[in-house]
PDB file of N, CA and C in Angstrom:
ATOM      1  N   UNK A   1       0.812  -1.200   0.000  1.00  0.00           N
ATOM      2  CA  UNK A   1       0.000   0.000   0.000  1.00  0.00           C
ATOM      3  C   UNK A   1       0.856   1.264   0.000  1.00  0.00           C
ATOM      4  N   UNK A   2       2.007   1.193   0.696  1.00  0.00           N
ATOM      5  CA  UNK A   2       2.810   2.415   0.774  1.00  0.00           C
ATOM      6  C   UNK A   2       3.358   2.825  -0.585  1.00  0.00           C
ATOM      7  N   UNK A   3       3.683   1.852  -1.449  1.00  0.00           N
ATOM      8  CA  UNK A   3       4.191   2.199  -2.781  1.00  0.00           C
ATOM      9  C   UNK A   3       3.081   2.757  -3.665  1.00  0.00           C
ATOM     10  N   UNK A   4       1.855   2.332  -3.449  1.00  0.00           N
ATOM     11  CA  UNK A   4       0.719   2.906  -4.187  1.00  0.00           C
ATOM     12  C   UNK A   4       0.575   4.382  -3.802  1.00  0.00           C
ATOM     13  N   UNK A   5       0.661   4.657  -2.508  1.00  0.00           N
ATOM     14  CA  UNK A   5       0.575   6.046  -2.052  1.00  0.00           C
ATOM     15  C   UNK A   5       1.734   6.884  -2.577  1.00  0.00           C
ATOM     16  N   UNK A   6       2.934   6.307  -2.585  1.00  0.00           N
ATOM     17  CA  UNK A   6       4.082   7.026  -3.158  1.00  0.00           C
ATOM     18  C   UNK A   6       3.805   7.349  -4.627  1.00  0.00           C
ATOM     19  N   UNK A   7       3.271   6.391  -5.366  1.00  0.00           N
ATOM     20  CA  UNK A   7       2.947   6.622  -6.770  1.00  0.00           C
ATOM     21  C   UNK A   7       1.924   7.721  -6.962  1.00  0.00           C
ATOM     22  N   UNK A   8       0.895   7.733  -6.113  1.00  0.00           N
ATOM     23  CA  UNK A   8      -0.127   8.785  -6.192  1.00  0.00           C
ATOM     24  C   UNK A   8       0.496  10.144  -5.899  1.00  0.00           C
ATOM     25  N   UNK A   9       1.320  10.206  -4.881  1.00  0.00           N
ATOM     26  CA  UNK A   9       1.966  11.476  -4.505  1.00  0.00           C
ATOM     27  C   UNK A   9       2.862  11.966  -5.629  1.00  0.00           C
ATOM     28  N   UNK A  10       3.686  11.075  -6.160  1.00  0.00           N
ATOM     29  CA  UNK A  10       4.615  11.446  -7.231  1.00  0.00           C
ATOM     30  C   UNK A  10       3.848  11.934  -8.456  1.00  0.00           C
ATOM     31  N   UNK A  11       2.832  11.189  -8.863  1.00  0.00           N
ATOM     32  CA  UNK A  11       2.059  11.572 -10.050  1.00  0.00           C
ATOM     33  C   UNK A  11       1.337  12.902  -9.839  1.00  0.00           C
ATOM     34  N   UNK A  12       0.717  13.068  -8.676  1.00  0.00           N
ATOM     35  CA  UNK A  12      -0.020  14.307  -8.412  1.00  0.00           C
ATOM     36  C   UNK A  12       0.908  15.507  -8.275  1.00  0.00           C
ATOM     37  N   UNK A  13       2.062  15.325  -7.625  1.00  0.00           N
ATOM     38  CA  UNK A  13       3.019  16.430  -7.523  1.00  0.00           C
ATOM     39  C   UNK A  13       3.522  16.842  -8.898  1.00  0.00           C
ATOM     40  N   UNK A  14       3.863  15.864  -9.725  1.00  0.00           N
ATOM     41  CA  UNK A  14       4.364  16.173 -11.064  1.00  0.00           C
ATOM     42  C   UNK A  14       3.280  16.859 -11.893  1.00  0.00           C
ATOM     43  N   UNK A  15       2.060  16.362 -11.834  1.00  0.00           N
ATOM     44  CA  UNK A  15       0.955  16.984 -12.582  1.00  0.00           C
ATOM     45  C   UNK A  15       0.688  18.400 -12.094  1.00  0.00           C
ATOM     46  N   UNK A  16       0.673  18.588 -10.790  1.00  0.00           N
ATOM     47  CA  UNK A  16       0.368  19.921 -10.266  1.00  0.00           C
ATOM     48  C   UNK A  16       1.448  20.926 -10.651  1.00  0.00           C
ATOM     49  N   UNK A  17       2.705  20.534 -10.575  1.00  0.00           N
ATOM     50  CA  UNK A  17       3.772  21.462 -10.951  1.00  0.00           C
ATOM     51  C   UNK A  17       3.730  21.779 -12.447  1.00  0.00           C
ATOM     52  N   UNK A  18       3.462  20.779 -13.255  1.00  0.00           N
ATOM     53  CA  UNK A  18       3.360  20.990 -14.698  1.00  0.00           C
ATOM     54  C   UNK A  18       2.179  21.911 -15.022  1.00  0.00           C
ATOM     55  N   UNK A  19       1.035  21.666 -14.412  1.00  0.00           N
ATOM     56  CA  UNK A  19      -0.138  22.505 -14.644  1.00  0.00           C
ATOM     57  C   UNK A  19       0.057  23.923 -14.114  1.00  0.00           C
ATOM     58  N   UNK A  20       0.691  24.063 -12.956  1.00  0.00           N
ATOM     59  CA  UNK A  20       0.976  25.402 -12.427  1.00  0.00           C
ATOM     60  C   UNK A  20       1.880  26.185 -13.359  1.00  0.00           C
ATOM     61  N   UNK A  21       2.917  25.532 -13.853  1.00  0.00           N
ATOM     62  CA  UNK A  21       3.840  26.197 -14.772  1.00  0.00           C
ATOM     63  C   UNK A  21       3.120  26.625 -16.034  1.00  0.00           C
ATOM     64  N   UNK A  22       2.355  25.725 -16.602  1.00  0.00           N
ATOM     65  CA  UNK A  22       1.610  26.032 -17.813  1.00  0.00           C
ATOM     66  C   UNK A  22       0.600  27.152 -17.576  1.00  0.00           C
ATOM     67  N   UNK A  23      -0.110  27.083 -16.466  1.00  0.00           N
ATOM     68  CA  UNK A  23      -1.091  28.110 -16.143  1.00  0.00           C
ATOM     69  C   UNK A  23      -0.469  29.472 -15.907  1.00  0.00           C
ATOM     70  N   UNK A  24       0.661  29.509 -15.247  1.00  0.00           N
ATOM     71  CA  UNK A  24       1.321  30.788 -14.990  1.00  0.00           C
ATOM     72  C   UNK A  24       1.960  31.359 -16.252  1.00  0.00           C
ATOM     73  N   UNK A  25       2.351  30.496 -17.178  1.00  0.00           N
ATOM     74  CA  UNK A  25       2.858  31.015 -18.458  1.00  0.00           C
ATOM     75  C   UNK A  25       1.738  31.691 -19.233  1.00  0.00           C
ATOM     76  N   UNK A  26       0.531  31.159 -19.119  1.00  0.00           N
ATOM     77  CA  UNK A  26      -0.620  31.795 -19.756  1.00  0.00           C
ATOM     78  C   UNK A  26      -0.936  33.117 -19.046  1.00  0.00           C
ATOM     79  N   UNK A  27      -0.876  33.102 -17.732  1.00  0.00           N
ATOM     80  CA  UNK A  27      -1.202  34.294 -16.941  1.00  0.00           C
ATOM     81  C   UNK A  27      -0.180  35.400 -17.157  1.00  0.00           C
ATOM     82  N   UNK A  28       1.079  35.053 -17.172  1.00  0.00           N
ATOM     83  CA  UNK A  28       2.139  36.048 -17.323  1.00  0.00           C
ATOM     84  C   UNK A  28       2.836  36.339 -16.008  1.00  0.00           C
ATOM     85  N   UNK A  29       3.926  37.052 -16.118  1.00  0.00           N
ATOM     86  CA  UNK A  29       4.755  37.360 -14.956  1.00  0.00           C
ATOM     87  C   UNK A  29       4.035  38.311 -14.003  1.00  0.00           C
ATOM     88  N   UNK A  30       4.287  38.111 -12.724  1.00  0.00           N
ATOM     89  CA  UNK A  30       3.688  38.959 -11.690  1.00  0.00           C
ATOM     90  C   UNK A  30       4.675  40.079 -11.381  1.00  0.00           C
ATOM     91  N   UNK A  31       4.200  41.333 -11.521  1.00  0.00           N
ATOM     92  CA  UNK A  31       5.059  42.500 -11.266  1.00  0.00           C
ATOM     93  C   UNK A  31       4.565  43.337 -10.089  1.00  0.00           C
ATOM     94  N   UNK A  32       3.276  43.290  -9.840  1.00  0.00           N
ATOM     95  CA  UNK A  32       2.655  44.165  -8.842  1.00  0.00           C
ATOM     96  C   UNK A  32       2.235  43.337  -7.627  1.00  0.00           C
ATOM     97  N   UNK A  33       2.788  43.653  -6.478  1.00  0.00           N
ATOM     98  CA  UNK A  33       2.523  42.888  -5.261  1.00  0.00           C
ATOM     99  C   UNK A  33       1.714  43.676  -4.232  1.00  0.00           C
ATOM    100  N   UNK A  34       1.062  44.725  -4.677  1.00  0.00           N
ATOM    101  CA  UNK A  34       0.191  45.465  -3.772  1.00  0.00           C
ATOM    102  C   UNK A  34      -1.055  44.622  -3.497  1.00  0.00           C
ATOM    103  N   UNK A  35      -1.678  44.784  -2.328  1.00  0.00           N
ATOM    104  CA  UNK A  35      -2.830  43.946  -1.966  1.00  0.00           C
ATOM    105  C   UNK A  35      -3.936  43.916  -3.024  1.00  0.00           C
ATOM    106  N   UNK A  36      -4.278  45.057  -3.587  1.00  0.00           N
ATOM    107  CA  UNK A  36      -5.350  45.096  -4.585  1.00  0.00           C
ATOM    108  C   UNK A  36      -4.940  44.313  -5.842  1.00  0.00           C
ATOM    109  N   UNK A  37      -3.696  44.442  -6.249  1.00  0.00           N
ATOM    110  CA  UNK A  37      -3.217  43.713  -7.427  1.00  0.00           C
ATOM    111  C   UNK A  37      -3.181  42.212  -7.157  1.00  0.00           C
ATOM    112  N   UNK A  38      -2.817  41.835  -5.938  1.00  0.00           N
ATOM    113  CA  UNK A  38      -2.798  40.412  -5.586  1.00  0.00           C
ATOM    114  C   UNK A  38      -4.209  39.828  -5.574  1.00  0.00           C
ATOM    115  N   UNK A  39      -5.200  40.619  -5.135  1.00  0.00           N
ATOM    116  CA  UNK A  39      -6.599  40.151  -5.186  1.00  0.00           C
ATOM    117  C   UNK A  39      -7.051  39.951  -6.625  1.00  0.00           C
ATOM    118  N   UNK A  40      -6.697  40.889  -7.511  1.00  0.00           N
ATOM    119  CA  UNK A  40      -7.049  40.742  -8.931  1.00  0.00           C
ATOM    120  C   UNK A  40      -6.375  39.515  -9.531  1.00  0.00           C
ATOM    121  N   UNK A  41      -5.115  39.292  -9.158  1.00  0.00           N
ATOM    122  CA  UNK A  41      -4.392  38.133  -9.667  1.00  0.00           C
ATOM    123  C   UNK A  41      -5.038  36.846  -9.167  1.00  0.00           C
ATOM    124  N   UNK A  42      -5.411  36.795  -7.894  1.00  0.00           N
ATOM    125  CA  UNK A  42      -6.059  35.604  -7.343  1.00  0.00           C
ATOM    126  C   UNK A  42      -7.370  35.322  -8.066  1.00  0.00           C
ATOM    127  N   UNK A  43      -8.136  36.367  -8.353  1.00  0.00           N
ATOM    128  CA  UNK A  43      -9.393  36.186  -9.082  1.00  0.00           C
ATOM    129  C   UNK A  43      -9.126  35.682 -10.493  1.00  0.00           C
ATOM    130  N   UNK A  44      -8.118  36.208 -11.126  1.00  0.00           N
ATOM    131  CA  UNK A  44      -7.762  35.766 -12.473  1.00  0.00           C
ATOM    132  C   UNK A  44      -7.308  34.308 -12.467  1.00  0.00           C
ATOM    133  N   UNK A  45      -6.498  33.945 -11.497  1.00  0.00           N
ATOM    134  CA  UNK A  45      -5.994  32.569 -11.418  1.00  0.00           C
ATOM    135  C   UNK A  45      -7.116  31.592 -11.076  1.00  0.00           C
ATOM    136  N   UNK A  46      -8.110  32.055 -10.329  1.00  0.00           N
ATOM    137  CA  UNK A  46      -9.244  31.188  -9.979  1.00  0.00           C
ATOM    138  C   UNK A  46     -10.078  30.832 -11.210  1.00  0.00           C
ATOM    139  N   UNK A  47      -9.952  31.626 -12.269  1.00  0.00           N
ATOM    140  CA  UNK A  47     -10.663  31.337 -13.514  1.00  0.00           C
ATOM    141  C   UNK A  47      -9.796  30.551 -14.497  1.00  0.00           C
ATOM    142  N   UNK A  48      -8.566  30.265 -14.116  1.00  0.00           N
ATOM    143  CA  UNK A  48      -7.641  29.540 -14.990  1.00  0.00           C
ATOM    144  C   UNK A  48      -7.793  28.042 -14.713  1.00  0.00           C
ATOM    145  N   UNK A  49      -8.309  27.268 -15.673  1.00  0.00           N
ATOM    146  CA  UNK A  49      -8.561  25.842 -15.416  1.00  0.00           C
ATOM    147  C   UNK A  49      -7.288  25.050 -15.097  1.00  0.00           C
ATOM    148  N   UNK A  50      -6.167  25.454 -15.640  1.00  0.00           N
ATOM    149  CA  UNK A  50      -4.913  24.740 -15.341  1.00  0.00           C
ATOM    150  C   UNK A  50      -4.526  24.918 -13.883  1.00  0.00           C
ATOM    151  N   UNK A  51      -4.677  26.120 -13.393  1.00  0.00           N
ATOM    152  CA  UNK A  51      -4.350  26.398 -11.991  1.00  0.00           C
ATOM    153  C   UNK A  51      -5.312  25.646 -11.080  1.00  0.00           C
ATOM    154  N   UNK A  52      -6.590  25.628 -11.435  1.00  0.00           N
ATOM    155  CA  UNK A  52      -7.586  24.920 -10.621  1.00  0.00           C
ATOM    156  C   UNK A  52      -7.313  23.411 -10.604  1.00  0.00           C
ATOM    157  N   UNK A  53      -6.967  22.832 -11.749  1.00  0.00           N
ATOM    158  CA  UNK A  53      -6.612  21.408 -11.790  1.00  0.00           C
ATOM    159  C   UNK A  53      -5.352  21.132 -10.974  1.00  0.00           C
ATOM    160  N   UNK A  54      -4.410  22.064 -11.029  1.00  0.00           N
ATOM    161  CA  UNK A  54      -3.186  21.919 -10.237  1.00  0.00           C
ATOM    162  C   UNK A  54      -3.509  21.898  -8.747  1.00  0.00           C
ATOM    163  N   UNK A  55      -4.445  22.728  -8.328  1.00  0.00           N
ATOM    164  CA  UNK A  55      -4.831  22.760  -6.915  1.00  0.00           C
ATOM    165  C   UNK A  55      -5.499  21.450  -6.498  1.00  0.00           C
ATOM    166  N   UNK A  56      -6.303  20.873  -7.389  1.00  0.00           N
ATOM    167  CA  UNK A  56      -6.912  19.574  -7.097  1.00  0.00           C
ATOM    168  C   UNK A  56      -5.822  18.518  -6.939  1.00  0.00           C
ATOM    169  N   UNK A  57      -4.860  18.519  -7.853  1.00  0.00           N
ATOM    170  CA  UNK A  57      -3.768  17.539  -7.778  1.00  0.00           C
ATOM    171  C   UNK A  57      -2.956  17.722  -6.502  1.00  0.00           C
ATOM    172  N   UNK A  58      -2.704  18.971  -6.106  1.00  0.00           N
ATOM    173  CA  UNK A  58      -1.965  19.218  -4.861  1.00  0.00           C
ATOM    174  C   UNK A  58      -2.744  18.725  -3.644  1.00  0.00           C
ATOM    175  N   UNK A  59      -4.052  18.882  -3.684  1.00  0.00           N
ATOM    176  CA  UNK A  59      -4.888  18.418  -2.577  1.00  0.00           C
ATOM    177  C   UNK A  59      -4.830  16.901  -2.459  1.00  0.00           C
ATOM    178  N   UNK A  60      -4.930  16.212  -3.583  1.00  0.00           N
ATOM    179  CA  UNK A  60      -4.838  14.746  -3.573  1.00  0.00           C
ATOM    180  C   UNK A  60      -3.470  14.320  -3.046  1.00  0.00           C
ATOM    181  N   UNK A  61      -2.414  14.994  -3.511  1.00  0.00           N
ATOM    182  CA  UNK A  61      -1.059  14.658  -3.054  1.00  0.00           C
ATOM    183  C   UNK A  61      -0.920  14.874  -1.549  1.00  0.00           C
ATOM    184  N   UNK A  62      -1.495  15.951  -1.036  1.00  0.00           N
ATOM    185  CA  UNK A  62      -1.414  16.238   0.393  1.00  0.00           C
ATOM    186  C   UNK A  62      -2.065  15.125   1.218  1.00  0.00           C
ATOM    187  N   UNK A  63      -3.284  14.741   0.840  1.00  0.00           N
ATOM    188  CA  UNK A  63      -3.974  13.714   1.613  1.00  0.00           C
ATOM    189  C   UNK A  63      -3.322  12.341   1.440  1.00  0.00           C
ATOM    190  N   UNK A  64      -2.755  12.077   0.278  1.00  0.00           N
ATOM    191  CA  UNK A  64      -2.011  10.827   0.090  1.00  0.00           C
ATOM    192  C   UNK A  64      -0.758  10.828   0.969  1.00  0.00           C
ATOM    193  N   UNK A  65      -0.114  11.981   1.090  1.00  0.00           N
ATOM    194  CA  UNK A  65       1.058  12.071   1.968  1.00  0.00           C
ATOM    195  C   UNK A  65       0.667  11.847   3.423  1.00  0.00           C
ATOM    196  N   UNK A  66      -0.445  12.408   3.842  1.00  0.00           N
ATOM    197  CA  UNK A  66      -0.917  12.178   5.214  1.00  0.00           C
ATOM    198  C   UNK A  66      -1.172  10.685   5.436  1.00  0.00           C
ATOM    199  N   UNK A  67      -1.780  10.027   4.464  1.00  0.00           N
ATOM    200  CA  UNK A  67      -2.034   8.587   4.576  1.00  0.00           C
ATOM    201  C   UNK A  67      -0.721   7.819   4.620  1.00  0.00           C
ATOM    202  N   UNK A  68       0.232   8.212   3.773  1.00  0.00           N
ATOM    203  CA  UNK A  68       1.535   7.537   3.758  1.00  0.00           C
ATOM    204  C   UNK A  68       2.249   7.702   5.097  1.00  0.00           C
ATOM    205  N   UNK A  69       2.208   8.899   5.649  1.00  0.00           N
ATOM    206  CA  UNK A  69       2.886   9.135   6.926  1.00  0.00           C
ATOM    207  C   UNK A  69       2.241   8.360   8.071  1.00  0.00           C
ATOM    208  N   UNK A  70       0.997   7.957   7.896  1.00  0.00           N
ATOM    209  CA  UNK A  70       0.347   7.174   8.946  1.00  0.00           C
ATOM    210  C   UNK A  70       0.782   5.707   8.925  1.00  0.00           C
ATOM    211  N   UNK A  71       1.375   5.248   7.812  1.00  0.00           N
ATOM    212  CA  UNK A  71       1.780   3.839   7.719  1.00  0.00           C
ATOM    213  C   UNK A  71       3.266   3.642   7.471  1.00  0.00           C
ATOM    214  N   UNK A  72       3.996   4.716   7.180  1.00  0.00           N
ATOM    215  CA  UNK A  72       5.430   4.586   6.873  1.00  0.00           C
ATOM    216  C   UNK A  72       6.221   5.612   7.677  1.00  0.00           C
ATOM    217  N   UNK A  73       7.489   5.352   7.812  1.00  0.00           N
ATOM    218  CA  UNK A  73       8.365   6.277   8.527  1.00  0.00           C
ATOM    219  C   UNK A  73       8.653   7.498   7.654  1.00  0.00           C
ATOM    220  N   UNK A  74       8.830   8.625   8.316  1.00  0.00           N
ATOM    221  CA  UNK A  74       9.154   9.860   7.614  1.00  0.00           C
ATOM    222  C   UNK A  74      10.434   9.709   6.814  1.00  0.00           C
ATOM    223  N   UNK A  75      11.404   8.992   7.365  1.00  0.00           N
ATOM    224  CA  UNK A  75      12.687   8.804   6.690  1.00  0.00           C
ATOM    225  C   UNK A  75      12.544   8.008   5.395  1.00  0.00           C
ATOM    226  N   UNK A  76      11.428   7.317   5.208  1.00  0.00           N
ATOM    227  CA  UNK A  76      11.126   6.651   3.941  1.00  0.00           C
ATOM    228  C   UNK A  76      10.262   7.542   3.057  1.00  0.00           C
ATOM    229  N   UNK A  77       9.222   8.109   3.635  1.00  0.00           N
ATOM    230  CA  UNK A  77       8.180   8.788   2.859  1.00  0.00           C
ATOM    231  C   UNK A  77       8.702   9.980   2.062  1.00  0.00           C
ATOM    232  N   UNK A  78       9.431  10.846   2.711  1.00  0.00           N
ATOM    233  CA  UNK A  78       9.862  12.070   2.034  1.00  0.00           C
ATOM    234  C   UNK A  78      10.881  11.783   0.937  1.00  0.00           C
ATOM    235  N   UNK A  79      11.945  11.010   1.206  1.00  0.00           N
ATOM    236  CA  UNK A  79      12.863  10.711   0.103  1.00  0.00           C
ATOM    237  C   UNK A  79      12.216   9.921  -1.034  1.00  0.00           C
ATOM    238  N   UNK A  80      11.294   9.013  -0.733  1.00  0.00           N
ATOM    239  CA  UNK A  80      10.660   8.217  -1.790  1.00  0.00           C
ATOM    240  C   UNK A  80       9.833   9.098  -2.712  1.00  0.00           C
ATOM    241  N   UNK A  81       9.189  10.111  -2.155  1.00  0.00           N
ATOM    242  CA  UNK A  81       8.373  10.983  -2.991  1.00  0.00           C
ATOM    243  C   UNK A  81       9.222  11.942  -3.826  1.00  0.00           C
ATOM    244  N   UNK A  82      10.525  11.968  -3.590  1.00  0.00           N
ATOM    245  CA  UNK A  82      11.423  12.798  -4.393  1.00  0.00           C
ATOM    246  C   UNK A  82      11.506  12.310  -5.841  1.00  0.00           C
ATOM    247  N   UNK A  83      10.966  11.145  -6.114  1.00  0.00           N
ATOM    248  CA  UNK A  83      10.928  10.663  -7.492  1.00  0.00           C
ATOM    249  C   UNK A  83      10.153  11.627  -8.382  1.00  0.00           C
ATOM    250  N   UNK A  84       9.289  12.437  -7.795  1.00  0.00           N
ATOM    251  CA  UNK A  84       8.541  13.412  -8.598  1.00  0.00           C
ATOM    252  C   UNK A  84       9.481  14.408  -9.268  1.00  0.00           C
ATOM    253  N   UNK A  85      10.631  14.699  -8.647  1.00  0.00           N
ATOM    254  CA  UNK A  85      11.586  15.623  -9.262  1.00  0.00           C
ATOM    255  C   UNK A  85      12.097  15.079 -10.588  1.00  0.00           C
ATOM    256  N   UNK A  86      12.359  13.798 -10.619  1.00  0.00           N
ATOM    257  CA  UNK A  86      12.867  13.173 -11.840  1.00  0.00           C
ATOM    258  C   UNK A  86      11.806  13.235 -12.933  1.00  0.00           C
ATOM    259  N   UNK A  87      10.591  12.889 -12.589  1.00  0.00           N
ATOM    260  CA  UNK A  87       9.498  12.922 -13.556  1.00  0.00           C
ATOM    261  C   UNK A  87       9.268  14.342 -14.051  1.00  0.00           C
ATOM    262  N   UNK A  88       9.373  15.311 -13.163  1.00  0.00           N
ATOM    263  CA  UNK A  88       9.161  16.703 -13.551  1.00  0.00           C
ATOM    264  C   UNK A  88      10.234  17.191 -14.517  1.00  0.00           C
ATOM    265  N   UNK A  89      11.465  16.747 -14.353  1.00  0.00           N
ATOM    266  CA  UNK A  89      12.523  17.132 -15.287  1.00  0.00           C
ATOM    267  C   UNK A  89      12.232  16.567 -16.676  1.00  0.00           C
ATOM    268  N   UNK A  90      11.807  15.314 -16.726  1.00  0.00           N
ATOM    269  CA  UNK A  90      11.475  14.692 -18.010  1.00  0.00           C
ATOM    270  C   UNK A  90      10.283  15.407 -18.654  1.00  0.00           C
ATOM    271  N   UNK A  91       9.245  15.694 -17.864  1.00  0.00           N
ATOM    272  CA  UNK A  91       8.081  16.405 -18.397  1.00  0.00           C
ATOM    273  C   UNK A  91       8.446  17.817 -18.853  1.00  0.00           C
ATOM    274  N   UNK A  92       9.290  18.492 -18.115  1.00  0.00           N
ATOM    275  CA  UNK A  92       9.724  19.837 -18.506  1.00  0.00           C
ATOM    276  C   UNK A  92      10.450  19.790 -19.847  1.00  0.00           C
ATOM    277  N   UNK A  93      11.260  18.772 -20.032  1.00  0.00           N
ATOM    278  CA  UNK A  93      12.010  18.624 -21.279  1.00  0.00           C
ATOM    279  C   UNK A  93      11.084  18.370 -22.462  1.00  0.00           C
ATOM    280  N   UNK A  94      10.175  17.414 -22.311  1.00  0.00           N
ATOM    281  CA  UNK A  94       9.404  16.965 -23.466  1.00  0.00           C
ATOM    282  C   UNK A  94       8.043  17.632 -23.627  1.00  0.00           C
ATOM    283  N   UNK A  95       7.412  18.068 -22.563  1.00  0.00           N
ATOM    284  CA  UNK A  95       6.109  18.720 -22.700  1.00  0.00           C
ATOM    285  C   UNK A  95       6.214  20.239 -22.713  1.00  0.00           C
ATOM    286  N   UNK A  96       7.075  20.791 -21.864  1.00  0.00           N
ATOM    287  CA  UNK A  96       7.232  22.241 -21.812  1.00  0.00           C
ATOM    288  C   UNK A  96       8.357  22.740 -22.709  1.00  0.00           C
ATOM    289  N   UNK A  97       9.085  21.811 -23.298  1.00  0.00           N
ATOM    290  CA  UNK A  97      10.180  22.137 -24.230  1.00  0.00           C
ATOM    291  C   UNK A  97      11.283  22.984 -23.583  1.00  0.00           C
ATOM    292  N   UNK A  98      11.566  22.698 -22.314  1.00  0.00           N
ATOM    293  CA  UNK A  98      12.639  23.408 -21.620  1.00  0.00           C
ATOM    294  C   UNK A  98      13.989  22.779 -21.958  1.00  0.00           C
ATOM    295  N   UNK A  99      15.001  23.607 -21.946  1.00  0.00           N
ATOM    296  CA  UNK A  99      16.363  23.111 -22.134  1.00  0.00           C
ATOM    297  C   UNK A  99      16.888  22.655 -20.769  1.00  0.00           C
ATOM    298  N   UNK A 100      17.315  21.411 -20.684  1.00  0.00           N
ATOM    299  CA  UNK A 100      17.820  20.860 -19.426  1.00  0.00           C
ATOM    300  C   UNK A 100      19.314  20.602 -19.600  1.00  0.00           C
ATOM    301  N   UNK A 101      20.134  21.254 -18.772  1.00  0.00           N
ATOM    302  CA  UNK A 101      21.580  21.065 -18.909  1.00  0.00           C
ATOM    303  C   UNK A 101      22.027  19.780 -18.215  1.00  0.00           C
ATOM    304  N   UNK A 102      23.251  19.418 -18.417  1.00  0.00           N
ATOM    305  CA  UNK A 102      23.770  18.133 -17.917  1.00  0.00           C
ATOM    306  C   UNK A 102      23.767  18.070 -16.392  1.00  0.00           C
ATOM    307  N   UNK A 103      23.927  19.216 -15.712  1.00  0.00           N
ATOM    308  CA  UNK A 103      23.930  19.198 -14.245  1.00  0.00           C
ATOM    309  C   UNK A 103      22.564  18.802 -13.696  1.00  0.00           C
ATOM    310  N   UNK A 104      21.509  19.265 -14.334  1.00  0.00           N
ATOM    311  CA  UNK A 104      20.173  18.884 -13.881  1.00  0.00           C
ATOM    312  C   UNK A 104      19.910  17.408 -14.156  1.00  0.00           C
ATOM    313  N   UNK A 105      20.374  16.911 -15.308  1.00  0.00           N
ATOM    314  CA  UNK A 105      20.231  15.477 -15.585  1.00  0.00           C
ATOM    315  C   UNK A 105      21.020  14.669 -14.563  1.00  0.00           C
ATOM    316  N   UNK A 106      22.221  15.136 -14.221  1.00  0.00           N
ATOM    317  CA  UNK A 106      23.035  14.432 -13.221  1.00  0.00           C
ATOM    318  C   UNK A 106      22.328  14.430 -11.869  1.00  0.00           C
ATOM    319  N   UNK A 107      21.716  15.543 -11.505  1.00  0.00           N
ATOM    320  CA  UNK A 107      20.950  15.598 -10.263  1.00  0.00           C
ATOM    321  C   UNK A 107      19.781  14.623 -10.283  1.00  0.00           C
ATOM    322  N   UNK A 108      19.118  14.522 -11.426  1.00  0.00           N
ATOM    323  CA  UNK A 108      18.002  13.577 -11.561  1.00  0.00           C
ATOM    324  C   UNK A 108      18.481  12.146 -11.395  1.00  0.00           C
ATOM    325  N   UNK A 109      19.651  11.844 -11.938  1.00  0.00           N
ATOM    326  CA  UNK A 109      20.208  10.501 -11.787  1.00  0.00           C
ATOM    327  C   UNK A 109      20.517  10.215 -10.318  1.00  0.00           C
ATOM    328  N   UNK A 110      21.059  11.190  -9.607  1.00  0.00           N
ATOM    329  CA  UNK A 110      21.353  11.006  -8.182  1.00  0.00           C
ATOM    330  C   UNK A 110      20.078  10.804  -7.370  1.00  0.00           C
ATOM    331  N   UNK A 111      19.044  11.569  -7.680  1.00  0.00           N
ATOM    332  CA  UNK A 111      17.769  11.394  -6.980  1.00  0.00           C
ATOM    333  C   UNK A 111      17.207  10.001  -7.257  1.00  0.00           C
ATOM    334  N   UNK A 112      17.282   9.577  -8.516  1.00  0.00           N
ATOM    335  CA  UNK A 112      16.803   8.239  -8.883  1.00  0.00           C
ATOM    336  C   UNK A 112      17.560   7.172  -8.108  1.00  0.00           C
ATOM    337  N   UNK A 113      18.870   7.318  -8.000  1.00  0.00           N
ATOM    338  CA  UNK A 113      19.670   6.359  -7.241  1.00  0.00           C
ATOM    339  C   UNK A 113      19.235   6.326  -5.776  1.00  0.00           C
ATOM    340  N   UNK A 114      18.956   7.481  -5.215  1.00  0.00           N
ATOM    341  CA  UNK A 114      18.495   7.529  -3.824  1.00  0.00           C
ATOM    342  C   UNK A 114      17.165   6.827  -3.634  1.00  0.00           C
ATOM    343  N   UNK A 115      16.251   7.004  -4.576  1.00  0.00           N
ATOM    344  CA  UNK A 115      14.944   6.335  -4.475  1.00  0.00           C
ATOM    345  C   UNK A 115      15.113   4.821  -4.612  1.00  0.00           C
ATOM    346  N   UNK A 116      16.008   4.400  -5.505  1.00  0.00           N
ATOM    347  CA  UNK A 116      16.275   2.957  -5.672  1.00  0.00           C
ATOM    348  C   UNK A 116      16.853   2.377  -4.384  1.00  0.00           C
ATOM    349  N   UNK A 117      17.773   3.089  -3.735  1.00  0.00           N
ATOM    350  CA  UNK A 117      18.339   2.604  -2.471  1.00  0.00           C
ATOM    351  C   UNK A 117      17.253   2.484  -1.407  1.00  0.00           C
ATOM    352  N   UNK A 118      16.308   3.410  -1.400  1.00  0.00           N
ATOM    353  CA  UNK A 118      15.220   3.361  -0.431  1.00  0.00           C
ATOM    354  C   UNK A 118      14.319   2.148  -0.649  1.00  0.00           C
ATOM    355  N   UNK A 119      14.163   1.760  -1.905  1.00  0.00           N
ATOM    356  CA  UNK A 119      13.251   0.673  -2.241  1.00  0.00           C
ATOM    357  C   UNK A 119      13.743  -0.675  -1.724  1.00  0.00           C
ATOM    358  N   UNK A 120      15.004  -0.761  -1.422  1.00  0.00           N
ATOM    359  CA  UNK A 120      15.573  -2.059  -1.012  1.00  0.00           C
ATOM    360  C   UNK A 120      15.481  -2.285   0.478  1.00  0.00           C
TER     361      UNK A 120
END
């Protein structure tokens, strides 16, 4: 059961980050941090379906993490869910068309190795 929860967390974290990035690219850069401007931005983001889907995915990931922490040790749960970083790098490369340098790929390989060590 714990690996199912890890999978749900990893998938939801990766989806939420991808959707947030995509939604914020549509919204544009934030320049004005005054309270009134932040309220307008929040209202605008609430109408952005990508941002709303990202929030749903984050909510699922949060409750899956709570469930995982109830059955697994913290020293397992948090590092195991780091697999989402690797998936996010791959998604950024192929779906968002980001340029990923060799250092980020090397970091992804190290994270993958850490998750593999945890699995044993």
